[in-house]
Amino acid sequence: VAEMHKHLEECKSELASAAEKVSELSQQREELQLRAREQDKNEARIKDLEHQLAAAPDVPKEQVAEMHKHLEECKSELASAAEKVSELSQQREELQLRAREQDKNEARIKDLEHQLAAAPDVPKEQVAEMHKH
């Protein structure tokens, strides 16, 4: 009986080990099936791209190189233009600030002229002295 019990425990252990192996193999199978589906998609995409390439007109390498050169020139011109726009924007802001200051100064001058006109007569020498300041 002890021998049969020992044999039963060995069988249970082997069965548990086999069940674990089945689980691992099942997981591997699922991964392989996923990879196979991805591979099928990639192969279909390759065929589609090859078909598109076959239908595309032949463009001489020199023309492609010239187009790349032109593209790089355009990128360079665009970068230069963007830099110029930035500089001009900064200049515009500075000019707007100066214009606001000028408007304030003109308003201040008008105010002072108005005050001066309303003030009692001041000798011309004193007015000339005030204009110097």
Protein backbone atom coordinates (compact mmCIF):
# COMPACT_ATOMS: atom_id res chain seq x y z
CA VAL A 1 0.00 0.00 0.00
CA ALA A 2 2.86 2.37 0.83
CA GLU A 3 4.43 1.59 -2.51
CA MET A 4 1.16 2.38 -4.30
CA HIS A 5 0.80 5.60 -2.31
CA LYS A 6 4.35 6.60 -3.26
CA HIS A 7 3.63 5.80 -6.91
CA LEU A 8 0.38 7.83 -6.70
CA GLU A 9 2.28 10.86 -5.36
CA GLU A 10 4.85 10.55 -8.16
CA CYS A 11 2.02 10.42 -10.69
CA LYS A 12 0.41 13.51 -9.15
CA SER A 13 3.74 15.33 -9.32
CA GLU A 14 4.29 14.30 -12.94
CA LEU A 15 0.71 15.31 -13.75
CA ALA A 16 1.23 18.77 -12.16
CA SER A 17 4.50 19.15 -14.06
CA ALA A 18 2.80 18.12 -17.30
CA ALA A 19 -0.07 20.57 -16.67
CA GLU A 20 2.48 23.37 -16.13
CA LYS A 21 4.26 22.40 -19.33
CA VAL A 22 0.92 22.37 -21.21
CA SER A 23 0.21 25.87 -19.88
CA GLU A 24 3.64 27.14 -21.01
CA LEU A 25 3.23 25.54 -24.43
CA SER A 26 -0.26 27.01 -24.77
CA GLN A 27 1.09 30.48 -23.99
CA GLN A 28 3.91 30.01 -26.50
CA ARG A 29 1.40 28.86 -29.11
CA GLU A 30 -0.66 32.05 -28.58
CA GLU A 31 2.47 34.18 -28.94
CA LEU A 32 3.44 32.35 -32.12
CA GLN A 33 -0.07 32.78 -33.53
CA LEU A 34 0.09 36.53 -32.78
CA ARG A 35 3.49 36.74 -34.49
CA ALA A 36 2.14 34.81 -37.47
CA ARG A 37 -0.78 37.26 -37.81
CA GLU A 38 1.65 40.19 -37.61
CA GLN A 39 3.87 38.52 -40.21
CA ASP A 40 0.87 38.03 -42.49
CA LYS A 41 0.00 41.71 -42.13
CA ASN A 42 3.60 42.70 -42.87
CA GLU A 43 3.72 40.47 -45.94
CA ALA A 44 0.45 41.96 -47.20
CA ARG A 45 1.86 45.47 -46.62
CA ILE A 46 5.05 44.56 -48.47
CA LYS A 47 3.03 43.26 -51.43
CA ASP A 48 0.94 46.43 -51.42
CA LEU A 49 4.02 48.63 -51.35
CA GLU A 50 5.68 46.60 -54.08
CA HIS A 51 2.53 46.96 -56.18
CA GLN A 52 2.51 50.73 -55.59
CA LEU A 53 6.19 50.93 -56.45
CA ALA A 54 5.65 48.95 -59.64
CA ALA A 55 2.81 51.29 -60.65
CA ALA A 56 4.82 54.43 -59.85
CA PRO A 57 6.58 56.15 -62.71
CA ASP A 58 10.32 55.77 -62.83
CA VAL A 59 12.02 58.89 -61.58
CA PRO A 60 15.68 59.24 -62.47
CA LYS A 61 18.02 59.32 -59.47
CA GLU A 62 19.35 62.66 -60.65
CA GLN A 63 15.85 64.12 -60.53
CA VAL A 64 15.29 62.74 -57.02
CA ALA A 65 18.64 64.20 -55.91
CA GLU A 66 17.72 67.56 -57.46
CA MET A 67 14.35 67.48 -55.67
CA HIS A 68 16.09 66.76 -52.35
CA LYS A 69 18.52 69.62 -53.01
CA HIS A 70 15.62 71.95 -53.79
CA LEU A 71 13.81 70.80 -50.64
CA GLU A 72 16.88 71.59 -48.52
CA GLU A 73 17.16 75.02 -50.16
CA CYS A 74 13.50 75.67 -49.39
CA LYS A 75 14.01 74.62 -45.77
CA SER A 76 16.97 76.98 -45.52
CA GLU A 77 15.00 79.85 -47.04
CA LEU A 78 12.11 79.14 -44.69
CA ALA A 79 14.43 79.19 -41.66
CA SER A 80 15.93 82.47 -42.88
CA ALA A 81 12.47 83.97 -43.41
CA ALA A 82 11.36 82.84 -39.95
CA GLU A 83 14.44 84.51 -38.45
CA LYS A 84 13.70 87.73 -40.39
CA VAL A 85 10.07 87.66 -39.21
CA SER A 86 11.30 87.33 -35.64
CA GLU A 87 13.66 90.28 -36.06
CA LEU A 88 10.94 92.41 -37.66
CA SER A 89 8.48 91.50 -34.91
CA GLN A 90 10.99 92.63 -32.30
CA GLN A 91 11.59 95.88 -34.21
CA ARG A 92 7.83 96.44 -34.47
CA GLU A 93 7.45 96.00 -30.71
CA GLU A 94 10.27 98.49 -30.12
CA LEU A 95 8.67 100.99 -32.52
CA GLN A 96 5.28 100.55 -30.86
CA LEU A 97 6.89 101.26 -27.49
CA ARG A 98 8.58 104.39 -28.90
CA ALA A 99 5.28 105.50 -30.45
CA ARG A 100 3.51 105.15 -27.09
CA GLU A 101 6.30 107.13 -25.42
CA GLN A 102 6.05 109.77 -28.16
CA ASP A 103 2.27 110.00 -27.64
CA LYS A 104 2.82 110.47 -23.90
CA ASN A 105 5.43 113.15 -24.55
CA GLU A 106 3.16 114.97 -27.00
CA ALA A 107 0.32 114.86 -24.49
CA ARG A 108 2.67 116.18 -21.80
CA ILE A 109 3.86 118.99 -24.11
CA LYS A 110 0.25 120.01 -24.88
CA ASP A 111 -0.54 119.97 -21.19
CA LEU A 112 2.47 122.13 -20.39
CA GLU A 113 1.65 124.54 -23.24
CA HIS A 114 -1.91 124.78 -21.94
CA GLN A 115 -0.61 125.47 -18.43
CA LEU A 116 1.80 128.04 -19.83
CA ALA A 117 -0.94 129.76 -21.81
CA ALA A 118 -3.08 129.96 -18.67
CA ALA A 119 -0.18 131.23 -16.55
CA PRO A 120 0.39 134.94 -15.93
CA ASP A 121 2.77 136.68 -18.29
CA VAL A 122 6.29 135.44 -17.85
CA PRO A 123 9.26 137.38 -19.19
CA LYS A 124 10.53 136.10 -22.53
CA GLU A 125 13.95 135.35 -21.04
CA GLN A 126 12.37 133.05 -18.48
CA VAL A 127 10.30 131.30 -21.17
CA ALA A 128 13.46 130.81 -23.27
CA GLU A 129 15.17 129.37 -20.21
CA MET A 130 12.27 126.98 -19.66
CA HIS A 131 12.45 125.80 -23.27
CA LYS A 132 16.11 124.90 -22.78
CA HIS A 133 15.13 122.45 -20.06
